[in-house]
Structure formats: C-alpha cells, structure tokens
Amino acid sequence: MEGMSFNVGEYVDQMALLLDLQIRDEDRDGVVANFERIRAIANLVNSFPLAEDIEVAPVFEP
C-alpha cells in the first residue's frame, strides 16, 4: 500500500454511500478533517516497531 495515494474525501463519500449515511454538505469538511486526524494517528501506531516474539495478551491489565 506504500506509494499509493489515499483520498480521504473519496473514502468518506464511498463509505457514506455504502452505509446509506447522509452527510450534509456543511458537515462533510469536518468529517473529512476528522478522518485525516484518525489516519495520522493510525499511521503513527502502525509505524511503531514490535519485536517478533511479542505475544497478544489474552486479558488487558492496566
């Protein structure tokens, strides 16, 4: 997926169609901006290196 461009506005439009979700024109820019933030956070989390021997915890313990 590296090198591929991701158009957040197009994603929002396509998901709204798929979910039959009506997004008002005046709200669309805010929705796109929030998805841009979500994308930035997800990229940060996904870029964090993990050791190969890490195992998934069966129960979360703070």
PDB file of N, CA and C in Angstrom:
ATOM      1  N   MET A   1       0.820  -1.192   0.000  1.00  0.00           N
ATOM      2  CA  MET A   1       0.000   0.000   0.000  1.00  0.00           C
ATOM      3  C   MET A   1       0.864   1.256   0.000  1.00  0.00           C
ATOM      4  N   GLU A   2       2.147   1.086   0.268  1.00  0.00           N
ATOM      5  CA  GLU A   2       3.030   2.240   0.225  1.00  0.00           C
ATOM      6  C   GLU A   2       3.102   2.775  -1.191  1.00  0.00           C
ATOM      7  N   GLY A   3       3.198   4.075  -1.306  1.00  0.00           N
ATOM      8  CA  GLY A   3       3.274   4.692  -2.617  1.00  0.00           C
ATOM      9  C   GLY A   3       1.915   4.958  -3.244  1.00  0.00           C
ATOM     10  N   MET A   4       0.886   4.372  -2.661  1.00  0.00           N
ATOM     11  CA  MET A   4      -0.459   4.597  -3.185  1.00  0.00           C
ATOM     12  C   MET A   4      -1.047   5.818  -2.487  1.00  0.00           C
ATOM     13  N   SER A   5      -1.721   6.651  -3.241  1.00  0.00           N
ATOM     14  CA  SER A   5      -2.345   7.804  -2.614  1.00  0.00           C
ATOM     15  C   SER A   5      -3.700   7.393  -2.057  1.00  0.00           C
ATOM     16  N   PHE A   6      -4.069   8.002  -0.963  1.00  0.00           N
ATOM     17  CA  PHE A   6      -5.330   7.708  -0.301  1.00  0.00           C
ATOM     18  C   PHE A   6      -6.096   9.015  -0.200  1.00  0.00           C
ATOM     19  N   ASN A   7      -7.219   9.091  -0.866  1.00  0.00           N
ATOM     20  CA  ASN A   7      -8.037  10.286  -0.868  1.00  0.00           C
ATOM     21  C   ASN A   7      -9.099  10.140   0.213  1.00  0.00           C
ATOM     22  N   VAL A   8      -8.925  10.870   1.307  1.00  0.00           N
ATOM     23  CA  VAL A   8      -9.830  10.750   2.443  1.00  0.00           C
ATOM     24  C   VAL A   8     -11.230  11.222   2.070  1.00  0.00           C
ATOM     25  N   GLY A   9     -11.334  12.273   1.290  1.00  0.00           N
ATOM     26  CA  GLY A   9     -12.648  12.765   0.869  1.00  0.00           C
ATOM     27  C   GLY A   9     -13.410  11.722   0.074  1.00  0.00           C
ATOM     28  N   GLU A  10     -12.713  11.054  -0.826  1.00  0.00           N
ATOM     29  CA  GLU A  10     -13.348  10.000  -1.616  1.00  0.00           C
ATOM     30  C   GLU A  10     -13.754   8.830  -0.724  1.00  0.00           C
ATOM     31  N   TYR A  11     -12.908   8.500   0.245  1.00  0.00           N
ATOM     32  CA  TYR A  11     -13.218   7.424   1.189  1.00  0.00           C
ATOM     33  C   TYR A  11     -14.500   7.751   1.957  1.00  0.00           C
ATOM     34  N   VAL A  12     -14.593   8.967   2.472  1.00  0.00           N
ATOM     35  CA  VAL A  12     -15.786   9.378   3.221  1.00  0.00           C
ATOM     36  C   VAL A  12     -17.021   9.283   2.334  1.00  0.00           C
ATOM     37  N   ASP A  13     -16.915   9.756   1.117  1.00  0.00           N
ATOM     38  CA  ASP A  13     -18.057   9.698   0.193  1.00  0.00           C
ATOM     39  C   ASP A  13     -18.476   8.257  -0.092  1.00  0.00           C
ATOM     40  N   GLN A  14     -17.500   7.382  -0.340  1.00  0.00           N
ATOM     41  CA  GLN A  14     -17.809   5.990  -0.651  1.00  0.00           C
ATOM     42  C   GLN A  14     -18.401   5.255   0.553  1.00  0.00           C
ATOM     43  N   MET A  15     -17.864   5.508   1.737  1.00  0.00           N
ATOM     44  CA  MET A  15     -18.395   4.852   2.935  1.00  0.00           C
ATOM     45  C   MET A  15     -19.797   5.360   3.267  1.00  0.00           C
ATOM     46  N   ALA A  16     -20.045   6.631   3.018  1.00  0.00           N
ATOM     47  CA  ALA A  16     -21.388   7.171   3.241  1.00  0.00           C
ATOM     48  C   ALA A  16     -22.390   6.483   2.312  1.00  0.00           C
ATOM     49  N   LEU A  17     -21.987   6.264   1.070  1.00  0.00           N
ATOM     50  CA  LEU A  17     -22.861   5.544   0.135  1.00  0.00           C
ATOM     51  C   LEU A  17     -23.080   4.099   0.588  1.00  0.00           C
ATOM     52  N   LEU A  18     -22.008   3.444   0.966  1.00  0.00           N
ATOM     53  CA  LEU A  18     -22.086   2.051   1.385  1.00  0.00           C
ATOM     54  C   LEU A  18     -22.983   1.873   2.613  1.00  0.00           C
ATOM     55  N   LEU A  19     -22.883   2.803   3.552  1.00  0.00           N
ATOM     56  CA  LEU A  19     -23.646   2.722   4.797  1.00  0.00           C
ATOM     57  C   LEU A  19     -25.006   3.408   4.714  1.00  0.00           C
ATOM     58  N   ASP A  20     -25.301   3.974   3.536  1.00  0.00           N
ATOM     59  CA  ASP A  20     -26.533   4.747   3.351  1.00  0.00           C
ATOM     60  C   ASP A  20     -26.643   5.842   4.414  1.00  0.00           C
ATOM     61  N   LEU A  21     -25.538   6.553   4.597  1.00  0.00           N
ATOM     62  CA  LEU A  21     -25.424   7.605   5.595  1.00  0.00           C
ATOM     63  C   LEU A  21     -25.454   8.952   4.890  1.00  0.00           C
ATOM     64  N   GLN A  22     -26.382   9.768   5.255  1.00  0.00           N
ATOM     65  CA  GLN A  22     -26.498  11.096   4.658  1.00  0.00           C
ATOM     66  C   GLN A  22     -25.614  12.079   5.435  1.00  0.00           C
ATOM     67  N   ILE A  23     -24.594  12.616   4.779  1.00  0.00           N
ATOM     68  CA  ILE A  23     -23.732  13.631   5.385  1.00  0.00           C
ATOM     69  C   ILE A  23     -24.068  14.955   4.723  1.00  0.00           C
ATOM     70  N   ARG A  24     -24.518  15.889   5.531  1.00  0.00           N
ATOM     71  CA  ARG A  24     -24.865  17.206   4.989  1.00  0.00           C
ATOM     72  C   ARG A  24     -23.609  17.890   4.448  1.00  0.00           C
ATOM     73  N   ASP A  25     -23.803  18.682   3.419  1.00  0.00           N
ATOM     74  CA  ASP A  25     -22.674  19.379   2.786  1.00  0.00           C
ATOM     75  C   ASP A  25     -21.887  20.216   3.786  1.00  0.00           C
ATOM     76  N   GLU A  26     -22.586  20.860   4.712  1.00  0.00           N
ATOM     77  CA  GLU A  26     -21.902  21.719   5.674  1.00  0.00           C
ATOM     78  C   GLU A  26     -21.128  20.907   6.725  1.00  0.00           C
ATOM     79  N   ASP A  27     -21.397  19.613   6.837  1.00  0.00           N
ATOM     80  CA  ASP A  27     -20.698  18.752   7.795  1.00  0.00           C
ATOM     81  C   ASP A  27     -19.566  17.946   7.160  1.00  0.00           C
ATOM     82  N   ARG A  28     -19.572  17.818   5.853  1.00  0.00           N
ATOM     83  CA  ARG A  28     -18.623  16.940   5.165  1.00  0.00           C
ATOM     84  C   ARG A  28     -17.170  17.331   5.431  1.00  0.00           C
ATOM     85  N   ASP A  29     -16.850  18.613   5.371  1.00  0.00           N
ATOM     86  CA  ASP A  29     -15.461  19.046   5.593  1.00  0.00           C
ATOM     87  C   ASP A  29     -14.973  18.648   6.985  1.00  0.00           C
ATOM     88  N   GLY A  30     -15.834  18.741   7.988  1.00  0.00           N
ATOM     89  CA  GLY A  30     -15.468  18.331   9.341  1.00  0.00           C
ATOM     90  C   GLY A  30     -15.252  16.835   9.444  1.00  0.00           C
ATOM     91  N   VAL A  31     -16.090  16.068   8.768  1.00  0.00           N
ATOM     92  CA  VAL A  31     -15.938  14.607   8.764  1.00  0.00           C
ATOM     93  C   VAL A  31     -14.614  14.228   8.100  1.00  0.00           C
ATOM     94  N   VAL A  32     -14.318  14.848   6.978  1.00  0.00           N
ATOM     95  CA  VAL A  32     -13.058  14.569   6.275  1.00  0.00           C
ATOM     96  C   VAL A  32     -11.871  14.956   7.160  1.00  0.00           C
ATOM     97  N   ALA A  33     -11.946  16.095   7.829  1.00  0.00           N
ATOM     98  CA  ALA A  33     -10.852  16.534   8.709  1.00  0.00           C
ATOM     99  C   ALA A  33     -10.638  15.536   9.847  1.00  0.00           C
ATOM    100  N   ASN A  34     -11.720  15.026  10.418  1.00  0.00           N
ATOM    101  CA  ASN A  34     -11.584  14.044  11.493  1.00  0.00           C
ATOM    102  C   ASN A  34     -10.967  12.748  10.985  1.00  0.00           C
ATOM    103  N   PHE A  35     -11.341  12.315   9.785  1.00  0.00           N
ATOM    104  CA  PHE A  35     -10.731  11.113   9.228  1.00  0.00           C
ATOM    105  C   PHE A  35      -9.259  11.331   8.896  1.00  0.00           C
ATOM    106  N   GLU A  36      -8.884  12.553   8.526  1.00  0.00           N
ATOM    107  CA  GLU A  36      -7.462  12.862   8.319  1.00  0.00           C
ATOM    108  C   GLU A  36      -6.705  12.705   9.630  1.00  0.00           C
ATOM    109  N   ARG A  37      -7.297  13.164  10.749  1.00  0.00           N
ATOM    110  CA  ARG A  37      -6.658  13.014  12.055  1.00  0.00           C
ATOM    111  C   ARG A  37      -6.551  11.541  12.435  1.00  0.00           C
ATOM    112  N   ILE A  38      -7.629  10.793  12.213  1.00  0.00           N
ATOM    113  CA  ILE A  38      -7.623   9.361  12.510  1.00  0.00           C
ATOM    114  C   ILE A  38      -6.532   8.665  11.700  1.00  0.00           C
ATOM    115  N   ARG A  39      -6.406   9.042  10.445  1.00  0.00           N
ATOM    116  CA  ARG A  39      -5.385   8.443   9.574  1.00  0.00           C
ATOM    117  C   ARG A  39      -3.976   8.735  10.095  1.00  0.00           C
ATOM    118  N   ALA A  40      -3.746   9.965  10.536  1.00  0.00           N
ATOM    119  CA  ALA A  40      -2.428  10.328  11.064  1.00  0.00           C
ATOM    120  C   ALA A  40      -2.104   9.530  12.329  1.00  0.00           C
ATOM    121  N   ILE A  41      -3.082   9.372  13.209  1.00  0.00           N
ATOM    122  CA  ILE A  41      -2.872   8.603  14.435  1.00  0.00           C
ATOM    123  C   ILE A  41      -2.619   7.133  14.098  1.00  0.00           C
ATOM    124  N   ALA A  42      -3.406   6.580  13.179  1.00  0.00           N
ATOM    125  CA  ALA A  42      -3.238   5.179  12.780  1.00  0.00           C
ATOM    126  C   ALA A  42      -1.862   4.952  12.154  1.00  0.00           C
ATOM    127  N   ASN A  43      -1.392   5.888  11.348  1.00  0.00           N
ATOM    128  CA  ASN A  43      -0.061   5.762  10.749  1.00  0.00           C
ATOM    129  C   ASN A  43       1.023   5.741  11.818  1.00  0.00           C
ATOM    130  N   LEU A  44       0.855   6.572  12.844  1.00  0.00           N
ATOM    131  CA  LEU A  44       1.819   6.607  13.946  1.00  0.00           C
ATOM    132  C   LEU A  44       1.821   5.268  14.689  1.00  0.00           C
ATOM    133  N   VAL A  45       0.649   4.756  15.012  1.00  0.00           N
ATOM    134  CA  VAL A  45       0.552   3.477  15.727  1.00  0.00           C
ATOM    135  C   VAL A  45       1.105   2.343  14.874  1.00  0.00           C
ATOM    136  N   ASN A  46       0.733   2.304  13.607  1.00  0.00           N
ATOM    137  CA  ASN A  46       1.168   1.214  12.732  1.00  0.00           C
ATOM    138  C   ASN A  46       2.658   1.257  12.407  1.00  0.00           C
ATOM    139  N   SER A  47       3.284   2.414  12.535  1.00  0.00           N
ATOM    140  CA  SER A  47       4.709   2.512  12.222  1.00  0.00           C
ATOM    141  C   SER A  47       5.593   2.142  13.416  1.00  0.00           C
ATOM    142  N   PHE A  48       4.990   1.917  14.588  1.00  0.00           N
ATOM    143  CA  PHE A  48       5.755   1.558  15.780  1.00  0.00           C
ATOM    144  C   PHE A  48       6.277   0.135  15.631  1.00  0.00           C
ATOM    145  N   PRO A  49       7.596  -0.059  15.713  1.00  0.00           N
ATOM    146  CA  PRO A  49       8.149  -1.411  15.520  1.00  0.00           C
ATOM    147  C   PRO A  49       7.884  -2.305  16.733  1.00  0.00           C
ATOM    148  N   LEU A  50       7.525  -3.544  16.461  1.00  0.00           N
ATOM    149  CA  LEU A  50       7.325  -4.537  17.513  1.00  0.00           C
ATOM    150  C   LEU A  50       8.297  -5.690  17.299  1.00  0.00           C
ATOM    151  N   ALA A  51       8.771  -6.246  18.393  1.00  0.00           N
ATOM    152  CA  ALA A  51       9.664  -7.405  18.305  1.00  0.00           C
ATOM    153  C   ALA A  51       8.857  -8.612  17.816  1.00  0.00           C
ATOM    154  N   GLU A  52       9.529  -9.521  17.143  1.00  0.00           N
ATOM    155  CA  GLU A  52       8.870 -10.707  16.589  1.00  0.00           C
ATOM    156  C   GLU A  52       8.319 -11.629  17.673  1.00  0.00           C
ATOM    157  N   ASP A  53       8.893 -11.588  18.871  1.00  0.00           N
ATOM    158  CA  ASP A  53       8.459 -12.512  19.918  1.00  0.00           C
ATOM    159  C   ASP A  53       7.345 -11.952  20.809  1.00  0.00           C
ATOM    160  N   ILE A  54       6.775 -10.837  20.450  1.00  0.00           N
ATOM    161  CA  ILE A  54       5.666 -10.247  21.203  1.00  0.00           C
ATOM    162  C   ILE A  54       4.416 -11.099  21.006  1.00  0.00           C
ATOM    163  N   GLU A  55       3.733 -11.405  22.122  1.00  0.00           N
ATOM    164  CA  GLU A  55       2.501 -12.156  22.050  1.00  0.00           C
ATOM    165  C   GLU A  55       1.327 -11.285  22.480  1.00  0.00           C
ATOM    166  N   VAL A  56       0.177 -11.573  21.958  1.00  0.00           N
ATOM    167  CA  VAL A  56      -1.033 -10.831  22.288  1.00  0.00           C
ATOM    168  C   VAL A  56      -1.465 -11.222  23.707  1.00  0.00           C
ATOM    169  N   ALA A  57      -1.780 -10.239  24.517  1.00  0.00           N
ATOM    170  CA  ALA A  57      -2.246 -10.526  25.876  1.00  0.00           C
ATOM    171  C   ALA A  57      -3.700 -10.968  25.833  1.00  0.00           C
ATOM    172  N   PRO A  58      -4.045 -12.060  26.516  1.00  0.00           N
ATOM    173  CA  PRO A  58      -5.430 -12.530  26.486  1.00  0.00           C
ATOM    174  C   PRO A  58      -6.366 -11.621  27.285  1.00  0.00           C
ATOM    175  N   VAL A  59      -5.816 -10.887  28.269  1.00  0.00           N
ATOM    176  CA  VAL A  59      -6.616 -10.001  29.105  1.00  0.00           C
ATOM    177  C   VAL A  59      -5.842  -8.710  29.295  1.00  0.00           C
ATOM    178  N   PHE A  60      -6.549  -7.577  29.168  1.00  0.00           N
ATOM    179  CA  PHE A  60      -5.898  -6.285  29.406  1.00  0.00           C
ATOM    180  C   PHE A  60      -5.791  -6.057  30.900  1.00  0.00           C
ATOM    181  N   GLU A  61      -4.586  -5.766  31.362  1.00  0.00           N
ATOM    182  CA  GLU A  61      -4.360  -5.456  32.770  1.00  0.00           C
ATOM    183  C   GLU A  61      -3.605  -4.147  32.854  1.00  0.00           C
ATOM    184  N   PRO A  62      -4.275  -3.076  33.290  1.00  0.00           N
ATOM    185  CA  PRO A  62      -3.596  -1.770  33.361  1.00  0.00           C
ATOM    186  C   PRO A  62      -2.521  -1.714  34.413  1.00  0.00           C
TER     187      PRO A  62
END
